[in-house]
Amino acid sequence: MATTMYLDHVFQDKGGAGEAVAIEAGTSSFYDGIPQLYLTINDRTVILDDENGRRLCEAFADIARYLGYQR
């Protein structure tokens, strides 16, 4: 099983309200040796299938475009 982490960060609400959220994101070949996107949020991990990985990435890409965060 190969795992590559791309993000490991604790995020705090901009206004300082609420609890911080720890997010880790990367790829894992845990299932069938095929790399898939995984997320760990506050110590709870989910490995996404291809369809849901694409859905999540497309949503974040749309948000990034809207906010002008694109490279």
PDB file of N, CA and C in Angstrom:
ATOM      1  N   MET A   1       0.848  -1.176   0.000  1.00  0.00           N
ATOM      2  CA  MET A   1       0.000   0.000   0.000  1.00  0.00           C
ATOM      3  C   MET A   1       0.893   1.238   0.000  1.00  0.00           C
ATOM      4  N   ALA A   2       0.703   2.088  -0.978  1.00  0.00           N
ATOM      5  CA  ALA A   2       1.451   3.342  -1.056  1.00  0.00           C
ATOM      6  C   ALA A   2       0.523   4.493  -0.690  1.00  0.00           C
ATOM      7  N   THR A   3       1.028   5.398   0.119  1.00  0.00           N
ATOM      8  CA  THR A   3       0.267   6.576   0.517  1.00  0.00           C
ATOM      9  C   THR A   3       1.145   7.801   0.318  1.00  0.00           C
ATOM     10  N   THR A   4       0.583   8.818  -0.319  1.00  0.00           N
ATOM     11  CA  THR A   4       1.283  10.085  -0.499  1.00  0.00           C
ATOM     12  C   THR A   4       0.404  11.190   0.069  1.00  0.00           C
ATOM     13  N   MET A   5       0.918  11.926   1.040  1.00  0.00           N
ATOM     14  CA  MET A   5       0.172  13.008   1.654  1.00  0.00           C
ATOM     15  C   MET A   5       0.500  14.317   0.932  1.00  0.00           C
ATOM     16  N   TYR A   6      -0.530  15.069   0.594  1.00  0.00           N
ATOM     17  CA  TYR A   6      -0.362  16.359  -0.071  1.00  0.00           C
ATOM     18  C   TYR A   6      -0.728  17.530   0.841  1.00  0.00           C
ATOM     19  N   LEU A   7      -1.536  17.265   1.855  1.00  0.00           N
ATOM     20  CA  LEU A   7      -1.968  18.321   2.766  1.00  0.00           C
ATOM     21  C   LEU A   7      -2.090  17.742   4.164  1.00  0.00           C
ATOM     22  N   ASP A   8      -1.562  18.447   5.135  1.00  0.00           N
ATOM     23  CA  ASP A   8      -1.710  18.097   6.546  1.00  0.00           C
ATOM     24  C   ASP A   8      -1.701  19.409   7.310  1.00  0.00           C
ATOM     25  N   HIS A   9      -2.894  19.892   7.649  1.00  0.00           N
ATOM     26  CA  HIS A   9      -2.990  21.235   8.229  1.00  0.00           C
ATOM     27  C   HIS A   9      -4.175  21.306   9.188  1.00  0.00           C
ATOM     28  N   VAL A  10      -4.033  22.132  10.204  1.00  0.00           N
ATOM     29  CA  VAL A  10      -5.135  22.414  11.122  1.00  0.00           C
ATOM     30  C   VAL A  10      -5.695  23.781  10.743  1.00  0.00           C
ATOM     31  N   PHE A  11      -6.974  23.807  10.394  1.00  0.00           N
ATOM     32  CA  PHE A  11      -7.638  25.025   9.950  1.00  0.00           C
ATOM     33  C   PHE A  11      -8.488  25.597  11.079  1.00  0.00           C
ATOM     34  N   GLN A  12      -8.407  26.911  11.240  1.00  0.00           N
ATOM     35  CA  GLN A  12      -9.203  27.617  12.241  1.00  0.00           C
ATOM     36  C   GLN A  12     -10.169  28.534  11.505  1.00  0.00           C
ATOM     37  N   ASP A  13     -11.368  28.661  12.009  1.00  0.00           N
ATOM     38  CA  ASP A  13     -12.352  29.564  11.440  1.00  0.00           C
ATOM     39  C   ASP A  13     -11.782  30.979  11.368  1.00  0.00           C
ATOM     40  N   LYS A  14     -12.024  31.665  10.257  1.00  0.00           N
ATOM     41  CA  LYS A  14     -11.489  33.012  10.051  1.00  0.00           C
ATOM     42  C   LYS A  14     -11.843  33.953  11.198  1.00  0.00           C
ATOM     43  N   GLY A  15     -13.047  33.822  11.715  1.00  0.00           N
ATOM     44  CA  GLY A  15     -13.483  34.690  12.805  1.00  0.00           C
ATOM     45  C   GLY A  15     -13.080  34.191  14.177  1.00  0.00           C
ATOM     46  N   GLY A  16     -12.410  33.030  14.215  1.00  0.00           N
ATOM     47  CA  GLY A  16     -11.968  32.479  15.486  1.00  0.00           C
ATOM     48  C   GLY A  16     -13.042  31.703  16.230  1.00  0.00           C
ATOM     49  N   ALA A  17     -14.212  31.568  15.622  1.00  0.00           N
ATOM     50  CA  ALA A  17     -15.304  30.836  16.271  1.00  0.00           C
ATOM     51  C   ALA A  17     -15.142  29.337  16.055  1.00  0.00           C
ATOM     52  N   GLY A  18     -15.653  28.572  16.952  1.00  0.00           N
ATOM     53  CA  GLY A  18     -15.658  27.120  16.785  1.00  0.00           C
ATOM     54  C   GLY A  18     -14.301  26.490  16.998  1.00  0.00           C
ATOM     55  N   GLU A  19     -14.291  25.168  16.877  1.00  0.00           N
ATOM     56  CA  GLU A  19     -13.066  24.406  17.065  1.00  0.00           C
ATOM     57  C   GLU A  19     -12.281  24.324  15.761  1.00  0.00           C
ATOM     58  N   ALA A  20     -10.993  24.142  15.886  1.00  0.00           N
ATOM     59  CA  ALA A  20     -10.142  23.944  14.715  1.00  0.00           C
ATOM     60  C   ALA A  20     -10.466  22.591  14.082  1.00  0.00           C
ATOM     61  N   VAL A  21     -10.172  22.469  12.788  1.00  0.00           N
ATOM     62  CA  VAL A  21     -10.414  21.231  12.051  1.00  0.00           C
ATOM     63  C   VAL A  21      -9.094  20.770  11.446  1.00  0.00           C
ATOM     64  N   ALA A  22      -8.693  19.556  11.779  1.00  0.00           N
ATOM     65  CA  ALA A  22      -7.470  18.972  11.222  1.00  0.00           C
ATOM     66  C   ALA A  22      -7.832  18.218   9.950  1.00  0.00           C
ATOM     67  N   ILE A  23      -7.183  18.578   8.836  1.00  0.00           N
ATOM     68  CA  ILE A  23      -7.464  17.935   7.551  1.00  0.00           C
ATOM     69  C   ILE A  23      -6.168  17.421   6.943  1.00  0.00           C
ATOM     70  N   GLU A  24      -6.205  16.168   6.543  1.00  0.00           N
ATOM     71  CA  GLU A  24      -5.108  15.551   5.792  1.00  0.00           C
ATOM     72  C   GLU A  24      -5.712  15.038   4.492  1.00  0.00           C
ATOM     73  N   ALA A  25      -5.018  15.237   3.384  1.00  0.00           N
ATOM     74  CA  ALA A  25      -5.499  14.767   2.089  1.00  0.00           C
ATOM     75  C   ALA A  25      -4.336  14.204   1.300  1.00  0.00           C
ATOM     76  N   GLY A  26      -4.621  13.177   0.529  1.00  0.00           N
ATOM     77  CA  GLY A  26      -3.576  12.576  -0.279  1.00  0.00           C
ATOM     78  C   GLY A  26      -4.112  11.439  -1.114  1.00  0.00           C
ATOM     79  N   THR A  27      -3.204  10.576  -1.540  1.00  0.00           N
ATOM     80  CA  THR A  27      -3.587   9.403  -2.314  1.00  0.00           C
ATOM     81  C   THR A  27      -3.163   8.151  -1.565  1.00  0.00           C
ATOM     82  N   SER A  28      -3.959   7.112  -1.733  1.00  0.00           N
ATOM     83  CA  SER A  28      -3.677   5.830  -1.101  1.00  0.00           C
ATOM     84  C   SER A  28      -4.047   4.718  -2.069  1.00  0.00           C
ATOM     85  N   SER A  29      -3.228   3.688  -2.114  1.00  0.00           N
ATOM     86  CA  SER A  29      -3.541   2.530  -2.963  1.00  0.00           C
ATOM     87  C   SER A  29      -3.996   1.354  -2.100  1.00  0.00           C
ATOM     88  N   PHE A  30      -4.663   1.652  -0.995  1.00  0.00           N
ATOM     89  CA  PHE A  30      -5.121   0.632  -0.052  1.00  0.00           C
ATOM     90  C   PHE A  30      -6.046  -0.384  -0.712  1.00  0.00           C
ATOM     91  N   TYR A  31      -6.958   0.082  -1.567  1.00  0.00           N
ATOM     92  CA  TYR A  31      -7.902  -0.809  -2.237  1.00  0.00           C
ATOM     93  C   TYR A  31      -7.382  -1.189  -3.615  1.00  0.00           C
ATOM     94  N   ASP A  32      -7.124  -2.448  -3.833  1.00  0.00           N
ATOM     95  CA  ASP A  32      -6.755  -3.006  -5.145  1.00  0.00           C
ATOM     96  C   ASP A  32      -5.477  -2.418  -5.737  1.00  0.00           C
ATOM     97  N   GLY A  33      -4.667  -1.739  -4.954  1.00  0.00           N
ATOM     98  CA  GLY A  33      -3.420  -1.181  -5.463  1.00  0.00           C
ATOM     99  C   GLY A  33      -3.605  -0.011  -6.408  1.00  0.00           C
ATOM    100  N   ILE A  34      -4.820   0.526  -6.484  1.00  0.00           N
ATOM    101  CA  ILE A  34      -5.131   1.640  -7.384  1.00  0.00           C
ATOM    102  C   ILE A  34      -5.133   2.935  -6.576  1.00  0.00           C
ATOM    103  N   PRO A  35      -4.325   3.938  -6.954  1.00  0.00           N
ATOM    104  CA  PRO A  35      -4.308   5.192  -6.198  1.00  0.00           C
ATOM    105  C   PRO A  35      -5.673   5.875  -6.209  1.00  0.00           C
ATOM    106  N   GLN A  36      -6.126   6.251  -5.035  1.00  0.00           N
ATOM    107  CA  GLN A  36      -7.391   6.961  -4.893  1.00  0.00           C
ATOM    108  C   GLN A  36      -7.224   8.059  -3.854  1.00  0.00           C
ATOM    109  N   LEU A  37      -8.062   9.070  -3.944  1.00  0.00           N
ATOM    110  CA  LEU A  37      -8.012  10.197  -3.025  1.00  0.00           C
ATOM    111  C   LEU A  37      -8.506   9.775  -1.644  1.00  0.00           C
ATOM    112  N   TYR A  38      -7.775  10.191  -0.611  1.00  0.00           N
ATOM    113  CA  TYR A  38      -8.260   9.966   0.751  1.00  0.00           C
ATOM    114  C   TYR A  38      -8.291  11.291   1.498  1.00  0.00           C
ATOM    115  N   LEU A  39      -9.183  11.368   2.457  1.00  0.00           N
ATOM    116  CA  LEU A  39      -9.292  12.516   3.346  1.00  0.00           C
ATOM    117  C   LEU A  39      -9.318  12.018   4.778  1.00  0.00           C
ATOM    118  N   THR A  40      -8.603  12.697   5.642  1.00  0.00           N
ATOM    119  CA  THR A  40      -8.726  12.461   7.072  1.00  0.00           C
ATOM    120  C   THR A  40      -9.124  13.790   7.685  1.00  0.00           C
ATOM    121  N   ILE A  41     -10.275  13.804   8.332  1.00  0.00           N
ATOM    122  CA  ILE A  41     -10.784  15.012   8.964  1.00  0.00           C
ATOM    123  C   ILE A  41     -11.010  14.695  10.436  1.00  0.00           C
ATOM    124  N   ASN A  42     -10.265  15.390  11.282  1.00  0.00           N
ATOM    125  CA  ASN A  42     -10.340  15.148  12.723  1.00  0.00           C
ATOM    126  C   ASN A  42     -10.252  13.659  13.052  1.00  0.00           C
ATOM    127  N   ASP A  43      -9.241  13.004  12.504  1.00  0.00           N
ATOM    128  CA  ASP A  43      -8.928  11.595  12.777  1.00  0.00           C
ATOM    129  C   ASP A  43      -9.941  10.597  12.215  1.00  0.00           C
ATOM    130  N   ARG A  44     -10.799  11.011  11.301  1.00  0.00           N
ATOM    131  CA  ARG A  44     -11.720  10.091  10.616  1.00  0.00           C
ATOM    132  C   ARG A  44     -11.334  10.064   9.144  1.00  0.00           C
ATOM    133  N   THR A  45     -11.040   8.872   8.633  1.00  0.00           N
ATOM    134  CA  THR A  45     -10.521   8.733   7.271  1.00  0.00           C
ATOM    135  C   THR A  45     -11.552   8.109   6.347  1.00  0.00           C
ATOM    136  N   VAL A  46     -11.588   8.626   5.126  1.00  0.00           N
ATOM    137  CA  VAL A  46     -12.409   8.047   4.067  1.00  0.00           C
ATOM    138  C   VAL A  46     -11.557   7.997   2.800  1.00  0.00           C
ATOM    139  N   ILE A  47     -11.595   6.856   2.111  1.00  0.00           N
ATOM    140  CA  ILE A  47     -10.936   6.710   0.811  1.00  0.00           C
ATOM    141  C   ILE A  47     -12.048   6.745  -0.230  1.00  0.00           C
ATOM    142  N   LEU A  48     -11.950   7.695  -1.146  1.00  0.00           N
ATOM    143  CA  LEU A  48     -13.018   7.911  -2.124  1.00  0.00           C
ATOM    144  C   LEU A  48     -12.808   7.069  -3.375  1.00  0.00           C
ATOM    145  N   ASP A  49     -13.909   6.581  -3.939  1.00  0.00           N
ATOM    146  CA  ASP A  49     -13.817   5.926  -5.240  1.00  0.00           C
ATOM    147  C   ASP A  49     -13.598   7.005  -6.297  1.00  0.00           C
ATOM    148  N   ASP A  50     -13.332   6.588  -7.525  1.00  0.00           N
ATOM    149  CA  ASP A  50     -12.992   7.533  -8.589  1.00  0.00           C
ATOM    150  C   ASP A  50     -14.091   8.570  -8.804  1.00  0.00           C
ATOM    151  N   GLU A  51     -15.333   8.133  -8.845  1.00  0.00           N
ATOM    152  CA  GLU A  51     -16.448   9.047  -9.095  1.00  0.00           C
ATOM    153  C   GLU A  51     -16.545  10.128  -8.016  1.00  0.00           C
ATOM    154  N   ASN A  52     -16.466   9.732  -6.770  1.00  0.00           N
ATOM    155  CA  ASN A  52     -16.583  10.706  -5.686  1.00  0.00           C
ATOM    156  C   ASN A  52     -15.326  11.551  -5.531  1.00  0.00           C
ATOM    157  N   GLY A  53     -14.162  10.988  -5.835  1.00  0.00           N
ATOM    158  CA  GLY A  53     -12.937  11.779  -5.837  1.00  0.00           C
ATOM    159  C   GLY A  53     -13.016  12.897  -6.863  1.00  0.00           C
ATOM    160  N   ARG A  54     -13.500  12.552  -8.053  1.00  0.00           N
ATOM    161  CA  ARG A  54     -13.664  13.570  -9.098  1.00  0.00           C
ATOM    162  C   ARG A  54     -14.689  14.622  -8.685  1.00  0.00           C
ATOM    163  N   ARG A  55     -15.787  14.179  -8.100  1.00  0.00           N
ATOM    164  CA  ARG A  55     -16.842  15.102  -7.664  1.00  0.00           C
ATOM    165  C   ARG A  55     -16.277  16.116  -6.660  1.00  0.00           C
ATOM    166  N   LEU A  56     -15.525  15.637  -5.689  1.00  0.00           N
ATOM    167  CA  LEU A  56     -14.948  16.523  -4.679  1.00  0.00           C
ATOM    168  C   LEU A  56     -13.948  17.492  -5.300  1.00  0.00           C
ATOM    169  N   CYS A  57     -13.060  16.981  -6.145  1.00  0.00           N
ATOM    170  CA  CYS A  57     -12.042  17.836  -6.767  1.00  0.00           C
ATOM    171  C   CYS A  57     -12.661  18.873  -7.690  1.00  0.00           C
ATOM    172  N   GLU A  58     -13.694  18.489  -8.429  1.00  0.00           N
ATOM    173  CA  GLU A  58     -14.371  19.449  -9.303  1.00  0.00           C
ATOM    174  C   GLU A  58     -15.034  20.547  -8.483  1.00  0.00           C
ATOM    175  N   ALA A  59     -15.629  20.180  -7.357  1.00  0.00           N
ATOM    176  CA  ALA A  59     -16.264  21.184  -6.497  1.00  0.00           C
ATOM    177  C   ALA A  59     -15.224  22.162  -5.958  1.00  0.00           C
ATOM    178  N   PHE A  60     -14.082  21.633  -5.481  1.00  0.00           N
ATOM    179  CA  PHE A  60     -13.031  22.524  -4.979  1.00  0.00           C
ATOM    180  C   PHE A  60     -12.447  23.380  -6.100  1.00  0.00           C
ATOM    181  N   ALA A  61     -12.316  22.829  -7.298  1.00  0.00           N
ATOM    182  CA  ALA A  61     -11.811  23.611  -8.432  1.00  0.00           C
ATOM    183  C   ALA A  61     -12.781  24.738  -8.773  1.00  0.00           C
ATOM    184  N   ASP A  62     -14.081  24.456  -8.736  1.00  0.00           N
ATOM    185  CA  ASP A  62     -15.086  25.491  -8.990  1.00  0.00           C
ATOM    186  C   ASP A  62     -15.002  26.598  -7.940  1.00  0.00           C
ATOM    187  N   ILE A  63     -14.849  26.206  -6.686  1.00  0.00           N
ATOM    188  CA  ILE A  63     -14.720  27.194  -5.610  1.00  0.00           C
ATOM    189  C   ILE A  63     -13.456  28.027  -5.806  1.00  0.00           C
ATOM    190  N   ALA A  64     -12.348  27.377  -6.141  1.00  0.00           N
ATOM    191  CA  ALA A  64     -11.078  28.081  -6.350  1.00  0.00           C
ATOM    192  C   ALA A  64     -11.190  29.085  -7.493  1.00  0.00           C
ATOM    193  N   ARG A  65     -11.847  28.688  -8.587  1.00  0.00           N
ATOM    194  CA  ARG A  65     -12.047  29.613  -9.711  1.00  0.00           C
ATOM    195  C   ARG A  65     -12.882  30.814  -9.273  1.00  0.00           C
ATOM    196  N   TYR A  66     -13.961  30.554  -8.563  1.00  0.00           N
ATOM    197  CA  TYR A  66     -14.848  31.624  -8.118  1.00  0.00           C
ATOM    198  C   TYR A  66     -14.109  32.624  -7.231  1.00  0.00           C
ATOM    199  N   LEU A  67     -13.259  32.117  -6.343  1.00  0.00           N
ATOM    200  CA  LEU A  67     -12.539  32.980  -5.408  1.00  0.00           C
ATOM    201  C   LEU A  67     -11.238  33.546  -5.974  1.00  0.00           C
ATOM    202  N   GLY A  68     -10.869  33.136  -7.191  1.00  0.00           N
ATOM    203  CA  GLY A  68      -9.644  33.628  -7.814  1.00  0.00           C
ATOM    204  C   GLY A  68      -8.386  32.991  -7.253  1.00  0.00           C
ATOM    205  N   TYR A  69      -8.482  31.771  -6.738  1.00  0.00           N
ATOM    206  CA  TYR A  69      -7.340  31.076  -6.138  1.00  0.00           C
ATOM    207  C   TYR A  69      -6.532  30.272  -7.142  1.00  0.00           C
ATOM    208  N   GLN A  70      -6.934  30.249  -8.394  1.00  0.00           N
ATOM    209  CA  GLN A  70      -6.214  29.439  -9.389  1.00  0.00           C
ATOM    210  C   GLN A  70      -4.797  29.938  -9.566  1.00  0.00           C
ATOM    211  N   ARG A  71      -3.918  29.015  -9.939  1.00  0.00           N
ATOM    212  CA  ARG A  71      -2.525  29.390 -10.213  1.00  0.00           C
ATOM    213  C   ARG A  71      -2.425  30.049 -11.553  1.00  0.00           C
TER     214      ARG A  71
END
